[in-house]
Amino acid sequence: MLLEIRGEREIFLHNETPPPPSGGPIVGADSRRCLDVPNASQTHSTRAQLRDFSGGTKQQ
């Protein structure tokens, strides 16, 4: 799996545990799409969506 967080690319193998999040957007390194939680909800079972990453304040 390849993730880019704040411009840094990291590769995780399936048997490795990724480090704790450092904050900031989670953006696909190749797709440039990000995870979006509607209205920044913290309600259990809220569905995350994939969106094109624009870098706007709502995607921080």
PDB file of N, CA and C in Angstrom:
ATOM      1  N   MET A   1       0.852  -1.154   0.000  1.00  0.00           N
ATOM      2  CA  MET A   1       0.000   0.000   0.000  1.00  0.00           C
ATOM      3  C   MET A   1       0.906   1.226   0.000  1.00  0.00           C
ATOM      4  N   LEU A   2       0.561   2.214  -0.783  1.00  0.00           N
ATOM      5  CA  LEU A   2       1.350   3.442  -0.885  1.00  0.00           C
ATOM      6  C   LEU A   2       0.467   4.615  -0.495  1.00  0.00           C
ATOM      7  N   LEU A   3       0.869   5.344   0.518  1.00  0.00           N
ATOM      8  CA  LEU A   3       0.126   6.517   0.972  1.00  0.00           C
ATOM      9  C   LEU A   3       1.028   7.734   0.915  1.00  0.00           C
ATOM     10  N   GLU A   4       0.429   8.884   0.698  1.00  0.00           N
ATOM     11  CA  GLU A   4       1.189  10.127   0.766  1.00  0.00           C
ATOM     12  C   GLU A   4       0.520  11.018   1.802  1.00  0.00           C
ATOM     13  N   ILE A   5       1.248  11.376   2.832  1.00  0.00           N
ATOM     14  CA  ILE A   5       0.730  12.240   3.879  1.00  0.00           C
ATOM     15  C   ILE A   5       1.656  13.440   3.973  1.00  0.00           C
ATOM     16  N   ARG A   6       1.093  14.622   3.697  1.00  0.00           N
ATOM     17  CA  ARG A   6       1.873  15.867   3.697  1.00  0.00           C
ATOM     18  C   ARG A   6       3.093  15.764   2.792  1.00  0.00           C
ATOM     19  N   GLY A   7       2.915  15.198   1.623  1.00  0.00           N
ATOM     20  CA  GLY A   7       3.978  15.155   0.630  1.00  0.00           C
ATOM     21  C   GLY A   7       5.013  14.070   0.848  1.00  0.00           C
ATOM     22  N   GLU A   8       4.872  13.251   1.894  1.00  0.00           N
ATOM     23  CA  GLU A   8       5.824  12.178   2.136  1.00  0.00           C
ATOM     24  C   GLU A   8       5.189  10.858   1.731  1.00  0.00           C
ATOM     25  N   ARG A   9       5.909  10.082   0.928  1.00  0.00           N
ATOM     26  CA  ARG A   9       5.385   8.785   0.502  1.00  0.00           C
ATOM     27  C   ARG A   9       5.877   7.711   1.450  1.00  0.00           C
ATOM     28  N   GLU A  10       4.982   6.816   1.822  1.00  0.00           N
ATOM     29  CA  GLU A  10       5.344   5.706   2.681  1.00  0.00           C
ATOM     30  C   GLU A  10       4.740   4.440   2.109  1.00  0.00           C
ATOM     31  N   ILE A  11       5.490   3.368   2.162  1.00  0.00           N
ATOM     32  CA  ILE A  11       5.016   2.077   1.679  1.00  0.00           C
ATOM     33  C   ILE A  11       4.860   1.164   2.888  1.00  0.00           C
ATOM     34  N   PHE A  12       3.696   0.538   3.017  1.00  0.00           N
ATOM     35  CA  PHE A  12       3.435  -0.392   4.102  1.00  0.00           C
ATOM     36  C   PHE A  12       3.135  -1.758   3.508  1.00  0.00           C
ATOM     37  N   LEU A  13       3.812  -2.768   4.000  1.00  0.00           N
ATOM     38  CA  LEU A  13       3.488  -4.131   3.611  1.00  0.00           C
ATOM     39  C   LEU A  13       2.332  -4.583   4.486  1.00  0.00           C
ATOM     40  N   HIS A  14       1.576  -5.576   4.010  1.00  0.00           N
ATOM     41  CA  HIS A  14       0.383  -6.008   4.734  1.00  0.00           C
ATOM     42  C   HIS A  14       0.693  -6.535   6.129  1.00  0.00           C
ATOM     43  N   ASN A  15       1.909  -7.006   6.373  1.00  0.00           N
ATOM     44  CA  ASN A  15       2.230  -7.551   7.691  1.00  0.00           C
ATOM     45  C   ASN A  15       2.866  -6.514   8.614  1.00  0.00           C
ATOM     46  N   GLU A  16       2.939  -5.268   8.183  1.00  0.00           N
ATOM     47  CA  GLU A  16       3.508  -4.212   9.012  1.00  0.00           C
ATOM     48  C   GLU A  16       2.401  -3.348   9.600  1.00  0.00           C
ATOM     49  N   THR A  17       2.647  -2.811  10.763  1.00  0.00           N
ATOM     50  CA  THR A  17       1.711  -1.878  11.379  1.00  0.00           C
ATOM     51  C   THR A  17       2.177  -0.468  11.058  1.00  0.00           C
ATOM     52  N   PRO A  18       1.316   0.346  10.449  1.00  0.00           N
ATOM     53  CA  PRO A  18       1.729   1.711  10.115  1.00  0.00           C
ATOM     54  C   PRO A  18       1.919   2.544  11.380  1.00  0.00           C
ATOM     55  N   PRO A  19       2.722   3.593  11.299  1.00  0.00           N
ATOM     56  CA  PRO A  19       2.909   4.465  12.460  1.00  0.00           C
ATOM     57  C   PRO A  19       1.625   5.232  12.756  1.00  0.00           C
ATOM     58  N   PRO A  20       1.493   5.787  13.951  1.00  0.00           N
ATOM     59  CA  PRO A  20       0.291   6.563  14.261  1.00  0.00           C
ATOM     60  C   PRO A  20       0.198   7.783  13.351  1.00  0.00           C
ATOM     61  N   PRO A  21      -1.025   8.241  13.074  1.00  0.00           N
ATOM     62  CA  PRO A  21      -1.191   9.391  12.181  1.00  0.00           C
ATOM     63  C   PRO A  21      -0.532  10.643  12.744  1.00  0.00           C
ATOM     64  N   SER A  22       0.016  11.438  11.845  1.00  0.00           N
ATOM     65  CA  SER A  22       0.676  12.677  12.247  1.00  0.00           C
ATOM     66  C   SER A  22      -0.224  13.883  12.041  1.00  0.00           C
ATOM     67  N   GLY A  23      -1.422  13.661  11.551  1.00  0.00           N
ATOM     68  CA  GLY A  23      -2.341  14.752  11.270  1.00  0.00           C
ATOM     69  C   GLY A  23      -2.238  15.179   9.824  1.00  0.00           C
ATOM     70  N   GLY A  24      -3.219  15.890   9.343  1.00  0.00           N
ATOM     71  CA  GLY A  24      -3.211  16.339   7.958  1.00  0.00           C
ATOM     72  C   GLY A  24      -4.020  15.415   7.073  1.00  0.00           C
ATOM     73  N   PRO A  25      -4.148  15.773   5.806  1.00  0.00           N
ATOM     74  CA  PRO A  25      -4.969  14.994   4.885  1.00  0.00           C
ATOM     75  C   PRO A  25      -4.331  13.657   4.543  1.00  0.00           C
ATOM     76  N   ILE A  26      -5.169  12.674   4.255  1.00  0.00           N
ATOM     77  CA  ILE A  26      -4.719  11.376   3.760  1.00  0.00           C
ATOM     78  C   ILE A  26      -5.014  11.378   2.269  1.00  0.00           C
ATOM     79  N   VAL A  27      -3.952  11.377   1.458  1.00  0.00           N
ATOM     80  CA  VAL A  27      -4.090  11.533   0.009  1.00  0.00           C
ATOM     81  C   VAL A  27      -3.420  10.366  -0.695  1.00  0.00           C
ATOM     82  N   GLY A  28      -4.121   9.757  -1.661  1.00  0.00           N
ATOM     83  CA  GLY A  28      -3.532   8.697  -2.466  1.00  0.00           C
ATOM     84  C   GLY A  28      -2.382   9.257  -3.295  1.00  0.00           C
ATOM     85  N   ALA A  29      -1.212   8.620  -3.213  1.00  0.00           N
ATOM     86  CA  ALA A  29      -0.024   9.130  -3.902  1.00  0.00           C
ATOM     87  C   ALA A  29      -0.202   9.142  -5.413  1.00  0.00           C
ATOM     88  N   ASP A  30      -0.893   8.162  -5.961  1.00  0.00           N
ATOM     89  CA  ASP A  30      -1.074   8.098  -7.411  1.00  0.00           C
ATOM     90  C   ASP A  30      -2.396   8.700  -7.870  1.00  0.00           C
ATOM     91  N   SER A  31      -3.462   8.497  -7.084  1.00  0.00           N
ATOM     92  CA  SER A  31      -4.787   8.967  -7.503  1.00  0.00           C
ATOM     93  C   SER A  31      -5.022  10.436  -7.162  1.00  0.00           C
ATOM     94  N   ARG A  32      -4.282  10.964  -6.167  1.00  0.00           N
ATOM     95  CA  ARG A  32      -4.483  12.329  -5.659  1.00  0.00           C
ATOM     96  C   ARG A  32      -5.910  12.521  -5.132  1.00  0.00           C
ATOM     97  N   ARG A  33      -6.496  11.434  -4.644  1.00  0.00           N
ATOM     98  CA  ARG A  33      -7.815  11.510  -4.019  1.00  0.00           C
ATOM     99  C   ARG A  33      -7.626  11.427  -2.517  1.00  0.00           C
ATOM    100  N   CYS A  34      -8.583  11.940  -1.768  1.00  0.00           N
ATOM    101  CA  CYS A  34      -8.459  11.944  -0.312  1.00  0.00           C
ATOM    102  C   CYS A  34      -9.730  11.397   0.327  1.00  0.00           C
ATOM    103  N   LEU A  35      -9.601  11.031   1.605  1.00  0.00           N
ATOM    104  CA  LEU A  35     -10.758  10.613   2.379  1.00  0.00           C
ATOM    105  C   LEU A  35     -11.464  11.853   2.901  1.00  0.00           C
ATOM    106  N   ASP A  36     -12.773  11.849   2.806  1.00  0.00           N
ATOM    107  CA  ASP A  36     -13.565  12.976   3.276  1.00  0.00           C
ATOM    108  C   ASP A  36     -14.660  12.433   4.179  1.00  0.00           C
ATOM    109  N   VAL A  37     -14.795  13.010   5.361  1.00  0.00           N
ATOM    110  CA  VAL A  37     -15.879  12.655   6.274  1.00  0.00           C
ATOM    111  C   VAL A  37     -16.851  13.827   6.259  1.00  0.00           C
ATOM    112  N   PRO A  38     -18.092  13.595   5.809  1.00  0.00           N
ATOM    113  CA  PRO A  38     -19.056  14.686   5.698  1.00  0.00           C
ATOM    114  C   PRO A  38     -19.208  15.476   7.000  1.00  0.00           C
ATOM    115  N   ASN A  39     -19.115  16.783   6.900  1.00  0.00           N
ATOM    116  CA  ASN A  39     -19.291  17.709   8.025  1.00  0.00           C
ATOM    117  C   ASN A  39     -18.337  17.434   9.185  1.00  0.00           C
ATOM    118  N   ALA A  40     -17.191  16.805   8.910  1.00  0.00           N
ATOM    119  CA  ALA A  40     -16.195  16.461   9.942  1.00  0.00           C
ATOM    120  C   ALA A  40     -16.832  15.674  11.084  1.00  0.00           C
ATOM    121  N   SER A  41     -17.820  14.865  10.748  1.00  0.00           N
ATOM    122  CA  SER A  41     -18.561  14.099  11.748  1.00  0.00           C
ATOM    123  C   SER A  41     -17.651  13.121  12.488  1.00  0.00           C
ATOM    124  N   GLN A  42     -17.892  12.974  13.780  1.00  0.00           N
ATOM    125  CA  GLN A  42     -17.196  11.977  14.587  1.00  0.00           C
ATOM    126  C   GLN A  42     -18.170  10.917  15.072  1.00  0.00           C
ATOM    127  N   THR A  43     -19.362  10.884  14.468  1.00  0.00           N
ATOM    128  CA  THR A  43     -20.383   9.916  14.821  1.00  0.00           C
ATOM    129  C   THR A  43     -19.977   8.535  14.330  1.00  0.00           C
ATOM    130  N   HIS A  44     -20.134   7.537  15.190  1.00  0.00           N
ATOM    131  CA  HIS A  44     -19.811   6.157  14.826  1.00  0.00           C
ATOM    132  C   HIS A  44     -20.584   5.748  13.572  1.00  0.00           C
ATOM    133  N   SER A  45     -19.954   5.035  12.692  1.00  0.00           N
ATOM    134  CA  SER A  45     -20.521   4.502  11.442  1.00  0.00           C
ATOM    135  C   SER A  45     -20.749   5.559  10.366  1.00  0.00           C
ATOM    136  N   THR A  46     -20.208   6.765  10.530  1.00  0.00           N
ATOM    137  CA  THR A  46     -20.290   7.760   9.462  1.00  0.00           C
ATOM    138  C   THR A  46     -19.468   7.257   8.290  1.00  0.00           C
ATOM    139  N   ARG A  47     -20.018   7.326   7.101  1.00  0.00           N
ATOM    140  CA  ARG A  47     -19.329   6.809   5.916  1.00  0.00           C
ATOM    141  C   ARG A  47     -18.370   7.848   5.350  1.00  0.00           C
ATOM    142  N   ALA A  48     -17.125   7.428   5.196  1.00  0.00           N
ATOM    143  CA  ALA A  48     -16.128   8.290   4.552  1.00  0.00           C
ATOM    144  C   ALA A  48     -16.306   8.186   3.042  1.00  0.00           C
ATOM    145  N   GLN A  49     -15.923   9.231   2.334  1.00  0.00           N
ATOM    146  CA  GLN A  49     -16.044   9.269   0.877  1.00  0.00           C
ATOM    147  C   GLN A  49     -14.683   9.568   0.274  1.00  0.00           C
ATOM    148  N   LEU A  50     -14.460   9.124  -0.960  1.00  0.00           N
ATOM    149  CA  LEU A  50     -13.258   9.490  -1.705  1.00  0.00           C
ATOM    150  C   LEU A  50     -13.574  10.712  -2.546  1.00  0.00           C
ATOM    151  N   ARG A  51     -12.715  11.709  -2.469  1.00  0.00           N
ATOM    152  CA  ARG A  51     -12.900  12.953  -3.223  1.00  0.00           C
ATOM    153  C   ARG A  51     -11.588  13.336  -3.891  1.00  0.00           C
ATOM    154  N   ASP A  52     -11.673  14.111  -4.961  1.00  0.00           N
ATOM    155  CA  ASP A  52     -10.467  14.674  -5.559  1.00  0.00           C
ATOM    156  C   ASP A  52      -9.871  15.653  -4.554  1.00  0.00           C
ATOM    157  N   PHE A  53      -8.562  15.627  -4.376  1.00  0.00           N
ATOM    158  CA  PHE A  53      -7.896  16.483  -3.394  1.00  0.00           C
ATOM    159  C   PHE A  53      -7.647  17.858  -3.978  1.00  0.00           C
ATOM    160  N   SER A  54      -8.162  18.880  -3.302  1.00  0.00           N
ATOM    161  CA  SER A  54      -7.963  20.256  -3.752  1.00  0.00           C
ATOM    162  C   SER A  54      -7.070  21.046  -2.801  1.00  0.00           C
ATOM    163  N   GLY A  55      -6.863  20.515  -1.589  1.00  0.00           N
ATOM    164  CA  GLY A  55      -6.048  21.218  -0.609  1.00  0.00           C
ATOM    165  C   GLY A  55      -6.787  22.319   0.122  1.00  0.00           C
ATOM    166  N   GLY A  56      -8.099  22.398  -0.080  1.00  0.00           N
ATOM    167  CA  GLY A  56      -8.896  23.425   0.585  1.00  0.00           C
ATOM    168  C   GLY A  56      -8.959  23.217   2.087  1.00  0.00           C
ATOM    169  N   THR A  57      -9.458  24.223   2.803  1.00  0.00           N
ATOM    170  CA  THR A  57      -9.501  24.154   4.262  1.00  0.00           C
ATOM    171  C   THR A  57     -10.387  23.024   4.770  1.00  0.00           C
ATOM    172  N   LYS A  58     -11.373  22.609   3.998  1.00  0.00           N
ATOM    173  CA  LYS A  58     -12.236  21.511   4.429  1.00  0.00           C
ATOM    174  C   LYS A  58     -11.551  20.151   4.292  1.00  0.00           C
ATOM    175  N   GLN A  59     -10.395  20.108   3.659  1.00  0.00           N
ATOM    176  CA  GLN A  59      -9.677  18.844   3.485  1.00  0.00           C
ATOM    177  C   GLN A  59      -8.408  18.802   4.335  1.00  0.00           C
ATOM    178  N   GLN A  60      -8.368  19.568   5.381  1.00  0.00           N
ATOM    179  CA  GLN A  60      -7.182  19.599   6.247  1.00  0.00           C
ATOM    180  C   GLN A  60      -7.439  18.816   7.511  1.00  0.00           C
TER     181      GLN A  60
END
